[in-house]
Protein backbone atom coordinates (compact mmCIF):
# COMPACT_ATOMS: atom_id res chain seq x y z
CA MET A 1 136.13 135.58 124.22
CA LYS A 2 136.94 133.81 127.46
CA PRO A 3 140.50 132.59 128.05
CA HIS A 4 139.48 128.96 128.46
CA CYS A 5 137.60 129.03 125.10
CA MET A 6 140.51 130.25 123.04
CA ARG A 7 141.60 128.10 120.09
CA ALA A 8 144.79 126.18 120.73
CA ASP A 9 147.66 126.54 118.28
CA PHE A 10 150.02 123.56 118.18
CA GLY A 11 152.04 124.71 115.22
CA ASN A 12 153.35 122.05 112.85
CA GLY A 13 153.56 119.35 115.49
CA MET A 14 150.05 117.96 114.79
CA LYS A 15 150.60 117.27 111.08
CA LYS A 16 150.76 113.62 110.05
CA LYS A 17 154.23 112.63 109.00
CA LYS A 18 154.57 110.57 105.81
CA LYS A 19 156.20 107.23 106.30
CA LYS A 20 159.02 106.32 103.99
CA SER A 21 158.12 103.31 101.81
CA ILE A 22 160.72 100.58 102.35
CA LYS A 23 161.08 97.98 99.64
CA ARG A 24 160.50 94.37 100.59
CA LYS A 25 161.50 91.07 99.06
CA CYS A 26 158.70 88.83 97.68
CA LEU A 27 158.49 85.46 99.49
CA ILE A 28 157.68 83.62 96.22
CA CYS A 29 159.68 85.14 93.33
CA GLY A 30 162.28 87.06 95.37
CA GLU A 31 161.79 90.42 93.58
CA LEU A 32 161.80 93.77 95.40
CA TYR A 33 158.48 95.66 95.60
CA LYS A 34 156.86 98.57 97.43
CA PRO A 35 154.09 97.29 99.75
CA VAL A 36 150.68 98.95 99.62
CA VAL A 37 149.75 97.84 103.13
CA ASN A 38 151.90 96.74 106.07
CA THR A 39 150.73 93.09 105.90
CA GLN A 40 151.60 92.57 102.21
CA LYS A 41 154.04 89.69 101.70
CA ALA A 42 153.93 89.11 97.91
CA CYS A 43 154.61 91.41 94.96
CA GLY A 44 151.45 90.75 92.90
CA GLU A 45 148.26 88.75 92.50
CA GLU A 46 149.92 85.60 91.11
CA CYS A 47 152.51 85.41 93.88
CA SER A 48 149.82 86.19 96.47
CA HIS A 49 147.70 83.29 95.18
CA VAL A 50 150.68 80.90 95.30
CA LEU A 51 151.52 82.06 98.82
CA LYS A 52 147.93 81.46 99.93
CA LEU A 53 147.95 77.89 98.55
CA GLU A 54 151.28 77.20 100.24
CA SER A 55 150.02 78.42 103.62
CA GLN A 56 146.90 76.27 103.27
CA ARG A 57 149.02 73.21 102.47
CA LYS A 58 151.23 73.82 105.53
CA TYR A 59 148.14 74.16 107.72
CA ARG A 60 146.75 70.84 106.46
CA GLU A 61 150.07 69.12 107.04
CA LYS A 62 150.14 70.52 110.55
CA LYS A 63 146.62 69.31 111.39
CA LYS A 64 146.93 66.00 109.54
CA ILE A 65 146.47 62.79 111.56
CA TYR A 66 148.63 59.88 110.40
CA LEU A 67 146.91 56.50 110.80
CA GLU A 68 148.63 53.16 111.13
CA GLU A 69 149.53 51.19 108.01
CA LYS A 70 147.30 48.22 107.06
CA PRO A 71 146.94 45.79 104.13
CA CYS A 72 144.60 46.45 101.18
CA THR A 73 141.45 44.31 101.22
CA PHE A 74 141.78 43.41 97.52
CA CYS A 75 145.49 43.23 96.59
CA LYS A 76 146.88 42.77 100.17
CA LYS A 77 149.34 45.62 99.63
CA ILE A 78 150.49 47.59 102.72
CA PHE A 79 149.37 51.26 102.59
CA ARG A 80 148.74 54.18 104.96
CA PRO A 81 145.01 55.14 104.94
CA LYS A 82 143.93 58.79 104.84
CA ARG A 83 140.68 58.06 106.67
CA LYS A 84 139.57 55.46 109.18
CA ASP A 85 137.11 53.84 106.74
CA ASN A 86 139.70 53.34 103.93
CA HIS A 87 139.98 49.64 103.04
CA PHE A 88 141.62 49.85 99.59
CA CYS A 89 144.95 51.28 98.55
CA SER A 90 143.63 52.88 95.31
CA THR A 91 140.51 53.52 93.24
CA GLU A 92 141.43 50.63 90.90
CA CYS A 93 141.31 48.12 93.76
CA SER A 94 138.00 49.54 94.96
CA ASN A 95 136.40 49.23 91.48
CA ALA A 96 137.87 45.78 90.91
CA SER A 97 136.47 44.47 94.19
CA ARG A 98 133.05 45.91 93.39
CA TYR A 99 132.74 44.49 89.85
CA ARG A 100 134.58 41.19 90.10
CA ARG A 101 132.76 38.09 88.92
CA VAL A 102 131.58 35.35 91.25
CA ILE A 103 132.86 31.97 90.13
CA LEU A 104 129.96 29.52 90.19
CA PRO A 105 129.73 25.92 88.99
CA PRO A 106 128.12 25.29 85.55
CA MET A 107 124.37 24.70 85.43
CA SER A 108 121.78 23.69 82.84
CA CYS A 109 119.57 26.25 81.01
CA ALA A 110 115.95 26.32 82.22
CA GLU A 111 114.68 26.65 78.62
CA CYS A 112 116.91 24.68 76.23
CA GLY A 113 118.70 22.42 78.77
CA LYS A 114 122.26 23.28 77.66
CA SER A 115 125.05 23.60 80.20
CA PHE A 116 126.48 27.12 80.72
CA LYS A 117 128.57 29.10 83.22
CA PRO A 118 126.33 31.55 85.15
CA ARG A 119 127.54 35.08 85.83
CA ASN A 120 125.65 35.36 89.11
CA ARG A 121 123.43 33.29 91.39
CA LEU A 122 120.22 34.61 89.73
CA ALA A 123 121.05 33.32 86.23
CA ARG A 124 118.58 30.73 84.85
CA VAL A 125 119.05 30.82 81.05
CA CYS A 126 122.08 30.69 78.77
CA SER A 127 121.32 33.41 76.15
CA ALA A 128 119.06 36.35 75.25
CA GLU A 129 116.85 34.15 73.03
CA CYS A 130 116.22 31.69 75.84
CA ARG A 131 115.55 34.57 78.24
CA TYR A 132 112.86 35.97 75.90
CA VAL A 133 111.06 32.62 75.65
CA TYR A 134 111.49 31.97 79.39
CA GLU A 135 109.97 35.36 80.36
CA LYS A 136 107.05 34.95 77.92
CA ARG A 137 106.32 31.47 79.27
CA ARG A 138 106.24 32.80 82.83
CA ALA A 139 103.92 35.63 81.70
CA VAL A 140 101.50 33.07 80.18
CA THR A 141 101.61 31.05 83.42
CA ARG A 142 100.80 34.14 85.49
CA GLY A 143 97.98 35.17 83.12
CA LYS A 144 99.55 38.46 81.94
CA ILE A 145 99.37 37.47 78.24
CA LYS A 146 96.93 35.12 76.49
CA ARG A 147 99.32 32.99 74.42
CA MET A 148 102.97 32.49 73.62
CA PRO A 149 104.36 34.64 70.78
CA PHE A 150 104.78 32.91 67.39
CA SER A 151 102.27 30.25 68.43
CA LEU A 152 99.74 31.43 65.79
CA PRO A 153 99.52 29.68 62.39
CA ASN A 154 101.46 31.07 59.43
CA LYS A 155 99.89 33.85 57.37
CA LYS A 156 100.27 35.22 53.85
CA CYS A 157 101.37 38.87 53.53
CA ALA A 158 98.66 41.02 51.92
CA VAL A 159 101.24 42.97 49.84
CA CYS A 160 104.14 40.71 48.82
CA ASN A 161 102.40 37.30 49.34
CA VAL A 162 105.24 35.98 51.52
CA ILE A 163 104.45 33.36 54.20
CA PHE A 164 105.44 34.66 57.66
CA LYS A 165 104.90 33.91 61.34
CA PRO A 166 102.59 36.59 62.86
CA LYS A 167 103.20 37.97 66.34
CA SER A 168 99.51 38.75 66.88
CA SER A 169 96.21 37.78 65.29
CA ALA A 170 95.73 41.31 63.88
CA GLN A 171 99.04 41.33 61.95
CA LYS A 172 98.51 41.37 58.16
CA TYR A 173 101.92 42.34 56.78
CA CYS A 174 105.31 40.67 57.09
CA SER A 175 107.37 43.84 57.63
CA GLY A 176 107.17 47.59 58.12
CA SER A 177 107.89 48.32 54.45
CA CYS A 178 104.86 46.28 53.36
CA ASN A 179 102.74 48.11 55.93
CA THR A 180 103.91 51.48 54.51
CA ASP A 181 103.16 50.40 50.92
CA ALA A 182 99.66 49.30 51.94
CA SER A 183 98.92 52.59 53.71
CA LYS A 184 100.08 54.57 50.65
CA ALA A 185 97.85 52.45 48.39
CA ARG A 186 94.86 53.12 50.66
CA GLU A 187 95.52 56.86 50.57
CA ARG A 188 95.84 56.76 46.77
CA ILE A 189 92.53 54.90 46.38
CA LEU A 190 90.79 57.32 48.76
CA GLN A 191 92.16 60.32 46.84
CA GLN A 192 91.12 58.92 43.47
CA SER A 193 87.61 58.16 44.72
CA GLN A 194 86.97 61.85 45.50
CA PRO A 195 85.78 64.13 42.62
CA ILE A 196 88.19 66.63 41.02
CA ARG A 197 87.53 70.24 42.04
CA LYS A 198 86.33 72.59 39.32
CA ARG A 199 88.21 75.79 38.42
CA GLU A 200 87.28 79.11 36.85
CA CYS A 201 88.59 79.97 33.37
CA LEU A 202 90.65 83.18 33.24
CA HIS A 203 89.12 84.26 29.92
CA CYS A 204 85.44 83.25 29.85
CA GLU A 205 85.11 82.91 33.67
CA GLU A 206 83.22 79.62 33.34
CA LEU A 207 83.79 76.58 35.57
CA PHE A 208 85.64 73.61 34.05
CA THR A 209 87.03 70.31 35.29
CA PRO A 210 90.80 69.74 34.73
CA ARG A 211 91.98 66.43 33.33
CA THR A 212 94.09 65.44 36.36
CA ARG A 213 94.28 66.46 40.03
CA LYS A 214 97.78 67.91 39.66
CA SER A 215 96.97 69.84 36.48
CA MET A 216 98.01 73.53 36.34
CA ALA A 217 95.40 74.40 33.67
CA LYS A 218 93.95 77.94 33.89
CA PHE A 219 91.76 77.85 30.75
CA CYS A 220 88.87 75.62 29.83
CA SER A 221 90.09 75.11 26.23
CA GLN A 222 92.81 75.97 23.75
CA ALA A 223 90.55 78.60 22.14
CA CYS A 224 90.20 80.50 25.42
CA ARG A 225 93.98 80.37 25.90
CA ASN A 226 94.59 81.80 22.41
CA ARG A 227 92.01 84.57 22.88
CA HIS A 228 93.49 85.51 26.28
CA GLN A 229 97.02 85.66 24.85
CA ALA A 230 95.82 87.78 21.89
CA THR A 231 94.10 90.19 24.27
CA GLN A 232 97.23 90.50 26.37
CA ARG A 233 99.33 91.19 23.26
CA GLN A 234 96.95 93.94 22.17
CA VAL A 235 97.01 95.53 25.64
CA GLU A 236 100.81 95.48 25.68
CA LYS A 237 100.98 96.91 22.15
CA ALA A 238 98.60 99.76 23.08
CA ARG A 239 100.69 100.57 26.16
CA LEU A 240 103.92 100.75 24.13
CA GLU A 241 102.26 102.95 21.47
CA GLU A 242 100.97 105.31 24.19
CA GLU A 243 104.46 105.60 25.65
CA GLN A 244 105.92 106.32 22.22
CA ARG A 245 103.34 109.06 21.57
CA ASN A 246 104.07 110.67 24.94
CA LEU A 247 107.78 110.58 24.21
CA GLU A 248 107.28 112.23 20.80
CA LYS A 249 105.08 114.93 22.35
CA LEU A 250 107.67 115.69 24.98
CA GLN A 251 110.46 115.80 22.43
CA GLN A 252 108.43 118.14 20.25
CA LYS A 253 107.76 120.40 23.22
CA TRP A 254 111.46 120.58 24.02
CA ASN A 255 112.38 121.26 20.38
CA GLU A 256 109.90 124.13 20.18
CA THR A 257 111.38 125.81 23.24
CA SER A 258 115.01 125.22 22.19
CA VAL A 259 117.43 127.54 20.32
CA GLN A 260 120.63 126.92 18.35
CA VAL A 261 123.62 128.72 19.92
CA ARG A 262 127.38 128.87 19.39
CA GLU A 263 128.29 129.46 23.01
CA CYS A 264 129.62 126.94 25.49
CA PRO A 265 127.68 126.71 28.77
CA SER A 266 129.75 127.77 31.76
CA ASP A 267 128.55 124.95 34.00
CA SER A 268 129.48 122.17 31.57
CA ALA A 269 132.10 119.58 32.49
CA TYR A 270 133.12 119.11 28.81
CA GLN A 271 133.97 122.68 27.79
CA ARG A 272 137.09 121.69 25.87
CA GLU A 273 135.20 119.19 23.69
CA ILE A 274 132.31 121.64 23.14
CA TRP A 275 134.68 124.44 22.01
CA ALA A 276 136.40 122.05 19.61
CA TYR A 277 132.98 121.13 18.21
CA LEU A 278 131.96 124.82 17.84
CA LYS A 279 135.19 125.75 16.04
CA LYS A 280 134.14 123.49 13.19
CA GLY A 281 131.25 125.91 12.47
CA LYS A 282 128.55 123.82 14.08
CA THR A 283 125.93 124.79 16.67
CA ILE A 284 124.56 123.19 19.84
CA THR A 285 120.95 123.02 21.06
CA ARG A 286 120.04 124.97 24.17
CA TYR A 287 116.74 124.16 25.90
CA VAL A 288 114.98 127.18 27.37
CA ASN A 289 112.89 125.26 29.94
CA PRO A 290 114.36 121.73 30.37
CA VAL A 291 113.01 119.20 32.86
CA TRP A 292 116.18 119.17 34.95
CA ALA A 293 116.39 122.98 35.34
CA ALA A 294 115.65 124.40 38.80
CA GLY A 295 112.15 125.92 39.03
CA ALA A 296 110.92 124.36 35.76
CA ILE A 297 107.22 123.48 35.43
CA VAL A 298 106.96 119.77 34.68
CA ASP A 299 103.88 118.04 33.28
CA GLU A 300 102.70 114.61 34.45
CA GLU A 301 103.89 112.97 31.23
CA GLU A 302 107.29 114.58 31.63
CA THR A 303 107.49 113.33 35.24
CA GLU A 304 106.75 109.76 34.19
CA LEU A 305 109.32 109.92 31.44
CA PHE A 306 111.91 111.50 33.71
CA ASP A 307 111.36 108.78 36.32
CA PHE A 308 111.63 106.16 33.62
């Protein structure tokens, strides 16, 4: 290796020395803390946020331009504006100047002729009723509607027979309730005019017509109902008798394969009671091939009974 390519050895002088952490005092709460970075001035997030808001406020105060004082346009109070286009000292004065009423002399209504105090320069009528008639009259003059409302002759309601003033020539009822009653009556008449649908009897399977539209009848006559119920009772009785015969067969099968013993089974949870029973000179029944024994051959009837 050449001398100028040899690796330099500086010893321990090149190692980075650890700086000692000096505790600082928080500018907000005054507590001592160890800074993570050199520019940290607060102890935590809350104090840092407060310090940030304070610095922003100081910056705004430094850059703030103070305008000359002037009187409010509405209340004539002297105030210092924050902007050049401020003409009111507060929001209340601004709203009050925007929504204040214009005092005008009284005038006569264009429809009824009564004297009233107008709210603005565009007012022509004194009330909502006069405004309705006034607008309808102008619409007739312009040709937008054919006639004035309530100018038709009185009519008689088709439901309650009350005399009323129609709004149009096609109006037949005095109110919405009468209109609803009439529509329900029309639907009822239309439904009654249609024929009742025929149904099939559950017993004789013949078509029959029920007495009413909402009838829940399933049989054409009382005789068919009685015959159907008798058939169902016979079917249920035969099913119960078949179950009883199967149960007797199974019991007989178990009894034939069972023996009478005077020994207590080792896997029983009631050995004390069984030994007390055997001491009286009695015997217990032991099934050689019971349904619940492991590896037992079970018939279909036994399976159904065991599931039951």
